[in-house]
Amino acid sequence: MKKEDLLKKFAWDGVQCEEELILRAMLYDDPQWILQSFSKEFLKNLFLKHIHRFERENRSFWKLLLEVSNEEIERASKENLREGCKPIPY
């Protein structure tokens, strides 16, 4: 089955943007399939660009899989307005 067909299940609201569908797959699908289907560098850039979409557990998981450094996470968080506006969890 092609990547496009597998990503269709994440278009539940009619979104056709491949970047958004891949993000949804990273959050809700089998990570092994995602890593086999897309380059690590592409996923790493997507992860850092949309760091605000990943909660603590998902962030740590993808950070390890994609070999993202703490400095890269820190830089991406500072550059992302949405990440800076998140309330601090208690």
PDB file of N, CA and C in Angstrom:
ATOM      1  N   MET A   1       0.838  -1.178   0.000  1.00  0.00           N
ATOM      2  CA  MET A   1       0.000   0.000   0.000  1.00  0.00           C
ATOM      3  C   MET A   1       0.886   1.246   0.000  1.00  0.00           C
ATOM      4  N   LYS A   2       0.477   2.264  -0.736  1.00  0.00           N
ATOM      5  CA  LYS A   2       1.276   3.472  -0.858  1.00  0.00           C
ATOM      6  C   LYS A   2       1.112   4.375   0.362  1.00  0.00           C
ATOM      7  N   LYS A   3       2.115   5.240   0.565  1.00  0.00           N
ATOM      8  CA  LYS A   3       2.084   6.177   1.687  1.00  0.00           C
ATOM      9  C   LYS A   3       0.829   7.041   1.657  1.00  0.00           C
ATOM     10  N   GLU A   4       0.477   7.508   0.465  1.00  0.00           N
ATOM     11  CA  GLU A   4      -0.676   8.398   0.333  1.00  0.00           C
ATOM     12  C   GLU A   4      -1.959   7.719   0.813  1.00  0.00           C
ATOM     13  N   ASP A   5      -2.086   6.441   0.492  1.00  0.00           N
ATOM     14  CA  ASP A   5      -3.277   5.695   0.905  1.00  0.00           C
ATOM     15  C   ASP A   5      -3.315   5.512   2.416  1.00  0.00           C
ATOM     16  N   LEU A   6      -2.155   5.263   3.011  1.00  0.00           N
ATOM     17  CA  LEU A   6      -2.099   5.079   4.458  1.00  0.00           C
ATOM     18  C   LEU A   6      -2.335   6.396   5.199  1.00  0.00           C
ATOM     19  N   LEU A   7      -1.925   7.499   4.605  1.00  0.00           N
ATOM     20  CA  LEU A   7      -2.127   8.800   5.251  1.00  0.00           C
ATOM     21  C   LEU A   7      -3.573   9.279   5.165  1.00  0.00           C
ATOM     22  N   LYS A   8      -4.352   8.712   4.241  1.00  0.00           N
ATOM     23  CA  LYS A   8      -5.748   9.138   4.064  1.00  0.00           C
ATOM     24  C   LYS A   8      -6.569   8.971   5.336  1.00  0.00           C
ATOM     25  N   LYS A   9      -6.229   7.998   6.168  1.00  0.00           N
ATOM     26  CA  LYS A   9      -7.007   7.780   7.386  1.00  0.00           C
ATOM     27  C   LYS A   9      -6.857   8.935   8.367  1.00  0.00           C
ATOM     28  N   PHE A  10      -5.872   9.802   8.156  1.00  0.00           N
ATOM     29  CA  PHE A  10      -5.679  10.955   9.029  1.00  0.00           C
ATOM     30  C   PHE A  10      -6.313  12.224   8.464  1.00  0.00           C
ATOM     31  N   ALA A  11      -7.015  12.099   7.361  1.00  0.00           N
ATOM     32  CA  ALA A  11      -7.700  13.240   6.747  1.00  0.00           C
ATOM     33  C   ALA A  11      -9.165  13.247   7.175  1.00  0.00           C
ATOM     34  N   TRP A  12      -9.415  13.004   8.454  1.00  0.00           N
ATOM     35  CA  TRP A  12     -10.787  12.898   8.957  1.00  0.00           C
ATOM     36  C   TRP A  12     -11.582  14.190   8.825  1.00  0.00           C
ATOM     37  N   ASP A  13     -10.894  15.328   8.705  1.00  0.00           N
ATOM     38  CA  ASP A  13     -11.592  16.606   8.578  1.00  0.00           C
ATOM     39  C   ASP A  13     -11.411  17.217   7.196  1.00  0.00           C
ATOM     40  N   GLY A  14     -10.958  16.413   6.258  1.00  0.00           N
ATOM     41  CA  GLY A  14     -10.816  16.872   4.885  1.00  0.00           C
ATOM     42  C   GLY A  14      -9.479  17.528   4.575  1.00  0.00           C
ATOM     43  N   VAL A  15      -8.581  17.615   5.533  1.00  0.00           N
ATOM     44  CA  VAL A  15      -7.268  18.210   5.303  1.00  0.00           C
ATOM     45  C   VAL A  15      -6.494  17.332   4.325  1.00  0.00           C
ATOM     46  N   GLN A  16      -5.883  17.959   3.330  1.00  0.00           N
ATOM     47  CA  GLN A  16      -5.112  17.214   2.343  1.00  0.00           C
ATOM     48  C   GLN A  16      -3.627  17.554   2.378  1.00  0.00           C
ATOM     49  N   CYS A  17      -3.222  18.439   3.266  1.00  0.00           N
ATOM     50  CA  CYS A  17      -1.822  18.847   3.383  1.00  0.00           C
ATOM     51  C   CYS A  17      -0.997  17.664   3.884  1.00  0.00           C
ATOM     52  N   GLU A  18      -0.033  17.246   3.083  1.00  0.00           N
ATOM     53  CA  GLU A  18       0.759  16.068   3.439  1.00  0.00           C
ATOM     54  C   GLU A  18       1.506  16.272   4.762  1.00  0.00           C
ATOM     55  N   GLU A  19       2.007  17.478   4.983  1.00  0.00           N
ATOM     56  CA  GLU A  19       2.732  17.765   6.218  1.00  0.00           C
ATOM     57  C   GLU A  19       1.843  17.548   7.449  1.00  0.00           C
ATOM     58  N   GLU A  20       0.620  18.024   7.387  1.00  0.00           N
ATOM     59  CA  GLU A  20      -0.328  17.850   8.497  1.00  0.00           C
ATOM     60  C   GLU A  20      -0.670  16.375   8.702  1.00  0.00           C
ATOM     61  N   LEU A  21      -0.848  15.648   7.618  1.00  0.00           N
ATOM     62  CA  LEU A  21      -1.187  14.230   7.720  1.00  0.00           C
ATOM     63  C   LEU A  21      -0.026  13.425   8.317  1.00  0.00           C
ATOM     64  N   ILE A  22       1.195  13.789   7.963  1.00  0.00           N
ATOM     65  CA  ILE A  22       2.362  13.110   8.530  1.00  0.00           C
ATOM     66  C   ILE A  22       2.476  13.425  10.017  1.00  0.00           C
ATOM     67  N   LEU A  23       2.225  14.671  10.396  1.00  0.00           N
ATOM     68  CA  LEU A  23       2.223  15.038  11.815  1.00  0.00           C
ATOM     69  C   LEU A  23       1.210  14.211  12.591  1.00  0.00           C
ATOM     70  N   ARG A  24       0.030  14.089  12.054  1.00  0.00           N
ATOM     71  CA  ARG A  24      -1.007  13.286  12.712  1.00  0.00           C
ATOM     72  C   ARG A  24      -0.566  11.830  12.821  1.00  0.00           C
ATOM     73  N   ALA A  25       0.080  11.330  11.782  1.00  0.00           N
ATOM     74  CA  ALA A  25       0.576   9.955  11.827  1.00  0.00           C
ATOM     75  C   ALA A  25       1.642   9.813  12.917  1.00  0.00           C
ATOM     76  N   MET A  26       2.502  10.817  13.051  1.00  0.00           N
ATOM     77  CA  MET A  26       3.533  10.771  14.099  1.00  0.00           C
ATOM     78  C   MET A  26       2.896  10.723  15.482  1.00  0.00           C
ATOM     79  N   LEU A  27       1.781  11.395  15.641  1.00  0.00           N
ATOM     80  CA  LEU A  27       1.119  11.445  16.941  1.00  0.00           C
ATOM     81  C   LEU A  27       0.248  10.219  17.224  1.00  0.00           C
ATOM     82  N   TYR A  28      -0.325   9.607  16.174  1.00  0.00           N
ATOM     83  CA  TYR A  28      -1.348   8.590  16.406  1.00  0.00           C
ATOM     84  C   TYR A  28      -1.116   7.240  15.738  1.00  0.00           C
ATOM     85  N   ASP A  29      -0.060   7.085  14.971  1.00  0.00           N
ATOM     86  CA  ASP A  29       0.117   5.827  14.238  1.00  0.00           C
ATOM     87  C   ASP A  29       1.390   5.101  14.680  1.00  0.00           C
ATOM     88  N   ASP A  30       1.645   3.990  14.049  1.00  0.00           N
ATOM     89  CA  ASP A  30       2.787   3.143  14.345  1.00  0.00           C
ATOM     90  C   ASP A  30       4.091   3.844  13.950  1.00  0.00           C
ATOM     91  N   PRO A  31       4.947   4.142  14.916  1.00  0.00           N
ATOM     92  CA  PRO A  31       6.199   4.841  14.607  1.00  0.00           C
ATOM     93  C   PRO A  31       7.115   4.060  13.674  1.00  0.00           C
ATOM     94  N   GLN A  32       7.059   2.759  13.734  1.00  0.00           N
ATOM     95  CA  GLN A  32       7.913   1.946  12.872  1.00  0.00           C
ATOM     96  C   GLN A  32       7.564   2.190  11.405  1.00  0.00           C
ATOM     97  N   TRP A  33       6.279   2.241  11.093  1.00  0.00           N
ATOM     98  CA  TRP A  33       5.844   2.502   9.717  1.00  0.00           C
ATOM     99  C   TRP A  33       6.285   3.892   9.278  1.00  0.00           C
ATOM    100  N   ILE A  34       6.164   4.870  10.153  1.00  0.00           N
ATOM    101  CA  ILE A  34       6.527   6.247   9.824  1.00  0.00           C
ATOM    102  C   ILE A  34       8.020   6.344   9.527  1.00  0.00           C
ATOM    103  N   LEU A  35       8.842   5.719  10.363  1.00  0.00           N
ATOM    104  CA  LEU A  35      10.291   5.757  10.156  1.00  0.00           C
ATOM    105  C   LEU A  35      10.713   5.046   8.878  1.00  0.00           C
ATOM    106  N   GLN A  36       9.979   4.026   8.489  1.00  0.00           N
ATOM    107  CA  GLN A  36      10.289   3.313   7.246  1.00  0.00           C
ATOM    108  C   GLN A  36       9.828   4.086   6.015  1.00  0.00           C
ATOM    109  N   SER A  37       8.804   4.914   6.178  1.00  0.00           N
ATOM    110  CA  SER A  37       8.191   5.596   5.044  1.00  0.00           C
ATOM    111  C   SER A  37       8.803   6.953   4.722  1.00  0.00           C
ATOM    112  N   PHE A  38       9.406   7.592   5.712  1.00  0.00           N
ATOM    113  CA  PHE A  38       9.924   8.941   5.522  1.00  0.00           C
ATOM    114  C   PHE A  38      11.361   9.017   6.042  1.00  0.00           C
ATOM    115  N   SER A  39      12.120   9.922   5.466  1.00  0.00           N
ATOM    116  CA  SER A  39      13.515  10.060   5.907  1.00  0.00           C
ATOM    117  C   SER A  39      13.572  10.641   7.313  1.00  0.00           C
ATOM    118  N   LYS A  40      14.577  10.249   8.030  1.00  0.00           N
ATOM    119  CA  LYS A  40      14.765  10.713   9.405  1.00  0.00           C
ATOM    120  C   LYS A  40      14.954  12.231   9.436  1.00  0.00           C
ATOM    121  N   GLU A  41      15.675  12.756   8.470  1.00  0.00           N
ATOM    122  CA  GLU A  41      15.929  14.204   8.411  1.00  0.00           C
ATOM    123  C   GLU A  41      14.633  14.973   8.166  1.00  0.00           C
ATOM    124  N   PHE A  42      13.780  14.476   7.281  1.00  0.00           N
ATOM    125  CA  PHE A  42      12.490  15.112   7.019  1.00  0.00           C
ATOM    126  C   PHE A  42      11.636  15.115   8.279  1.00  0.00           C
ATOM    127  N   LEU A  43      11.565  13.981   8.957  1.00  0.00           N
ATOM    128  CA  LEU A  43      10.769  13.879  10.181  1.00  0.00           C
ATOM    129  C   LEU A  43      11.322  14.774  11.285  1.00  0.00           C
ATOM    130  N   LYS A  44      12.628  14.862  11.358  1.00  0.00           N
ATOM    131  CA  LYS A  44      13.265  15.706  12.371  1.00  0.00           C
ATOM    132  C   LYS A  44      12.910  17.179  12.141  1.00  0.00           C
ATOM    133  N   ASN A  45      12.990  17.631  10.902  1.00  0.00           N
ATOM    134  CA  ASN A  45      12.630  19.014  10.582  1.00  0.00           C
ATOM    135  C   ASN A  45      11.157  19.286  10.866  1.00  0.00           C
ATOM    136  N   LEU A  46      10.309  18.342  10.535  1.00  0.00           N
ATOM    137  CA  LEU A  46       8.876  18.476  10.796  1.00  0.00           C
ATOM    138  C   LEU A  46       8.607  18.515  12.300  1.00  0.00           C
ATOM    139  N   PHE A  47       9.270  17.669  13.041  1.00  0.00           N
ATOM    140  CA  PHE A  47       9.141  17.626  14.493  1.00  0.00           C
ATOM    141  C   PHE A  47       9.547  18.963  15.118  1.00  0.00           C
ATOM    142  N   LEU A  48      10.680  19.491  14.715  1.00  0.00           N
ATOM    143  CA  LEU A  48      11.154  20.752  15.279  1.00  0.00           C
ATOM    144  C   LEU A  48      10.283  21.936  14.860  1.00  0.00           C
ATOM    145  N   LYS A  49       9.773  21.903  13.651  1.00  0.00           N
ATOM    146  CA  LYS A  49       8.900  22.983  13.158  1.00  0.00           C
ATOM    147  C   LYS A  49       7.587  23.031  13.928  1.00  0.00           C
ATOM    148  N   HIS A  50       7.097  21.856  14.317  1.00  0.00           N
ATOM    149  CA  HIS A  50       5.799  21.749  14.994  1.00  0.00           C
ATOM    150  C   HIS A  50       5.959  21.201  16.412  1.00  0.00           C
ATOM    151  N   ILE A  51       6.990  21.628  17.088  1.00  0.00           N
ATOM    152  CA  ILE A  51       7.302  21.133  18.442  1.00  0.00           C
ATOM    153  C   ILE A  51       6.133  21.340  19.401  1.00  0.00           C
ATOM    154  N   HIS A  52       5.349  22.377  19.186  1.00  0.00           N
ATOM    155  CA  HIS A  52       4.230  22.685  20.080  1.00  0.00           C
ATOM    156  C   HIS A  52       3.126  21.630  20.031  1.00  0.00           C
ATOM    157  N   ARG A  53       3.096  20.807  19.014  1.00  0.00           N
ATOM    158  CA  ARG A  53       2.053  19.793  18.867  1.00  0.00           C
ATOM    159  C   ARG A  53       2.338  18.529  19.672  1.00  0.00           C
ATOM    160  N   PHE A  54       3.558  18.397  20.165  1.00  0.00           N
ATOM    161  CA  PHE A  54       3.967  17.184  20.867  1.00  0.00           C
ATOM    162  C   PHE A  54       3.984  17.417  22.372  1.00  0.00           C
ATOM    163  N   GLU A  55       3.204  16.634  23.079  1.00  0.00           N
ATOM    164  CA  GLU A  55       3.191  16.708  24.537  1.00  0.00           C
ATOM    165  C   GLU A  55       4.415  15.978  25.082  1.00  0.00           C
ATOM    166  N   ARG A  56       4.592  16.028  26.369  1.00  0.00           N
ATOM    167  CA  ARG A  56       5.807  15.537  27.029  1.00  0.00           C
ATOM    168  C   ARG A  56       6.233  14.136  26.580  1.00  0.00           C
ATOM    169  N   GLU A  57       5.332  13.164  26.641  1.00  0.00           N
ATOM    170  CA  GLU A  57       5.696  11.780  26.314  1.00  0.00           C
ATOM    171  C   GLU A  57       6.061  11.628  24.839  1.00  0.00           C
ATOM    172  N   ASN A  58       5.225  12.188  23.964  1.00  0.00           N
ATOM    173  CA  ASN A  58       5.505  12.107  22.532  1.00  0.00           C
ATOM    174  C   ASN A  58       6.780  12.848  22.176  1.00  0.00           C
ATOM    175  N   ARG A  59       6.993  13.980  22.819  1.00  0.00           N
ATOM    176  CA  ARG A  59       8.192  14.777  22.544  1.00  0.00           C
ATOM    177  C   ARG A  59       9.444  13.985  22.898  1.00  0.00           C
ATOM    178  N   SER A  60       9.475  13.375  24.051  1.00  0.00           N
ATOM    179  CA  SER A  60      10.641  12.588  24.473  1.00  0.00           C
ATOM    180  C   SER A  60      10.860  11.394  23.552  1.00  0.00           C
ATOM    181  N   PHE A  61       9.775  10.737  23.177  1.00  0.00           N
ATOM    182  CA  PHE A  61       9.848   9.571  22.305  1.00  0.00           C
ATOM    183  C   PHE A  61      10.468   9.936  20.957  1.00  0.00           C
ATOM    184  N   TRP A  62       9.917  10.971  20.312  1.00  0.00           N
ATOM    185  CA  TRP A  62      10.416  11.355  18.992  1.00  0.00           C
ATOM    186  C   TRP A  62      11.800  11.984  19.077  1.00  0.00           C
ATOM    187  N   LYS A  63      12.089  12.641  20.176  1.00  0.00           N
ATOM    188  CA  LYS A  63      13.422  13.211  20.375  1.00  0.00           C
ATOM    189  C   LYS A  63      14.476  12.103  20.334  1.00  0.00           C
ATOM    190  N   LEU A  64      14.196  11.005  21.003  1.00  0.00           N
ATOM    191  CA  LEU A  64      15.128   9.874  21.011  1.00  0.00           C
ATOM    192  C   LEU A  64      15.215   9.193  19.647  1.00  0.00           C
ATOM    193  N   LEU A  65      14.062   8.949  19.028  1.00  0.00           N
ATOM    194  CA  LEU A  65      14.063   8.256  17.733  1.00  0.00           C
ATOM    195  C   LEU A  65      14.762   9.054  16.644  1.00  0.00           C
ATOM    196  N   LEU A  66      14.557  10.371  16.664  1.00  0.00           N
ATOM    197  CA  LEU A  66      15.104  11.209  15.600  1.00  0.00           C
ATOM    198  C   LEU A  66      16.466  11.807  15.953  1.00  0.00           C
ATOM    199  N   GLU A  67      16.967  11.434  17.138  1.00  0.00           N
ATOM    200  CA  GLU A  67      18.279  11.883  17.600  1.00  0.00           C
ATOM    201  C   GLU A  67      18.394  13.407  17.593  1.00  0.00           C
ATOM    202  N   VAL A  68      17.424  14.045  18.257  1.00  0.00           N
ATOM    203  CA  VAL A  68      17.383  15.495  18.365  1.00  0.00           C
ATOM    204  C   VAL A  68      18.075  15.894  19.668  1.00  0.00           C
ATOM    205  N   SER A  69      18.964  16.859  19.586  1.00  0.00           N
ATOM    206  CA  SER A  69      19.696  17.293  20.778  1.00  0.00           C
ATOM    207  C   SER A  69      18.846  18.244  21.624  1.00  0.00           C
ATOM    208  N   ASN A  70      19.238  18.398  22.875  1.00  0.00           N
ATOM    209  CA  ASN A  70      18.549  19.336  23.768  1.00  0.00           C
ATOM    210  C   ASN A  70      18.648  20.761  23.241  1.00  0.00           C
ATOM    211  N   GLU A  71      19.769  21.098  22.640  1.00  0.00           N
ATOM    212  CA  GLU A  71      19.961  22.438  22.084  1.00  0.00           C
ATOM    213  C   GLU A  71      18.986  22.691  20.937  1.00  0.00           C
ATOM    214  N   GLU A  72      18.776  21.686  20.095  1.00  0.00           N
ATOM    215  CA  GLU A  72      17.828  21.833  18.983  1.00  0.00           C
ATOM    216  C   GLU A  72      16.404  22.008  19.501  1.00  0.00           C
ATOM    217  N   ILE A  73      16.046  21.257  20.535  1.00  0.00           N
ATOM    218  CA  ILE A  73      14.722  21.382  21.144  1.00  0.00           C
ATOM    219  C   ILE A  73      14.553  22.783  21.735  1.00  0.00           C
ATOM    220  N   GLU A  74      15.562  23.234  22.442  1.00  0.00           N
ATOM    221  CA  GLU A  74      15.511  24.553  23.070  1.00  0.00           C
ATOM    222  C   GLU A  74      15.371  25.655  22.022  1.00  0.00           C
ATOM    223  N   ARG A  75      16.155  25.570  20.952  1.00  0.00           N
ATOM    224  CA  ARG A  75      16.105  26.564  19.886  1.00  0.00           C
ATOM    225  C   ARG A  75      14.732  26.556  19.205  1.00  0.00           C
ATOM    226  N   ALA A  76      14.215  25.378  18.907  1.00  0.00           N
ATOM    227  CA  ALA A  76      12.919  25.272  18.251  1.00  0.00           C
ATOM    228  C   ALA A  76      11.814  25.810  19.154  1.00  0.00           C
ATOM    229  N   SER A  77      11.914  25.564  20.448  1.00  0.00           N
ATOM    230  CA  SER A  77      10.908  26.055  21.401  1.00  0.00           C
ATOM    231  C   SER A  77      10.926  27.577  21.486  1.00  0.00           C
ATOM    232  N   LYS A  78      12.107  28.163  21.454  1.00  0.00           N
ATOM    233  CA  LYS A  78      12.212  29.625  21.519  1.00  0.00           C
ATOM    234  C   LYS A  78      11.682  30.283  20.255  1.00  0.00           C
ATOM    235  N   GLU A  79      11.867  29.640  19.121  1.00  0.00           N
ATOM    236  CA  GLU A  79      11.430  30.190  17.840  1.00  0.00           C
ATOM    237  C   GLU A  79       9.939  29.996  17.595  1.00  0.00           C
ATOM    238  N   ASN A  80       9.304  29.144  18.367  1.00  0.00           N
ATOM    239  CA  ASN A  80       7.900  28.809  18.148  1.00  0.00           C
ATOM    240  C   ASN A  80       7.024  29.589  19.122  1.00  0.00           C
ATOM    241  N   LEU A  81       6.237  30.510  18.605  1.00  0.00           N
ATOM    242  CA  LEU A  81       5.374  31.343  19.427  1.00  0.00           C
ATOM    243  C   LEU A  81       4.387  30.507  20.238  1.00  0.00           C
ATOM    244  N   ARG A  82       3.800  29.501  19.624  1.00  0.00           N
ATOM    245  CA  ARG A  82       2.804  28.672  20.318  1.00  0.00           C
ATOM    246  C   ARG A  82       3.418  27.917  21.486  1.00  0.00           C
ATOM    247  N   GLU A  83       4.650  27.491  21.332  1.00  0.00           N
ATOM    248  CA  GLU A  83       5.312  26.769  22.422  1.00  0.00           C
ATOM    249  C   GLU A  83       5.555  27.700  23.616  1.00  0.00           C
ATOM    250  N   GLY A  84       5.872  28.943  23.329  1.00  0.00           N
ATOM    251  CA  GLY A  84       6.118  29.912  24.394  1.00  0.00           C
ATOM    252  C   GLY A  84       4.866  30.310  25.143  1.00  0.00           C
ATOM    253  N   CYS A  85       3.710  30.115  24.556  1.00  0.00           N
ATOM    254  CA  CYS A  85       2.441  30.515  25.174  1.00  0.00           C
ATOM    255  C   CYS A  85       1.774  29.391  25.964  1.00  0.00           C
ATOM    256  N   LYS A  86       2.366  28.219  25.994  1.00  0.00           N
ATOM    257  CA  LYS A  86       1.769  27.093  26.716  1.00  0.00           C
ATOM    258  C   LYS A  86       1.839  27.346  28.223  1.00  0.00           C
ATOM    259  N   PRO A  87       0.763  27.045  28.951  1.00  0.00           N
ATOM    260  CA  PRO A  87       0.840  27.171  30.405  1.00  0.00           C
ATOM    261  C   PRO A  87       1.739  26.082  30.991  1.00  0.00           C
ATOM    262  N   ILE A  88       2.375  26.399  32.086  1.00  0.00           N
ATOM    263  CA  ILE A  88       3.280  25.446  32.735  1.00  0.00           C
ATOM    264  C   ILE A  88       2.442  24.396  33.455  1.00  0.00           C
ATOM    265  N   PRO A  89       2.650  23.089  33.182  1.00  0.00           N
ATOM    266  CA  PRO A  89       1.884  22.048  33.874  1.00  0.00           C
ATOM    267  C   PRO A  89       2.316  21.914  35.329  1.00  0.00           C
ATOM    268  N   TYR A  90       1.360  21.684  36.184  1.00  0.00           N
ATOM    269  CA  TYR A  90       1.670  21.528  37.615  1.00  0.00           C
ATOM    270  C   TYR A  90       1.802  20.093  37.986  1.00  0.00           C
TER     271      TYR A  90
END
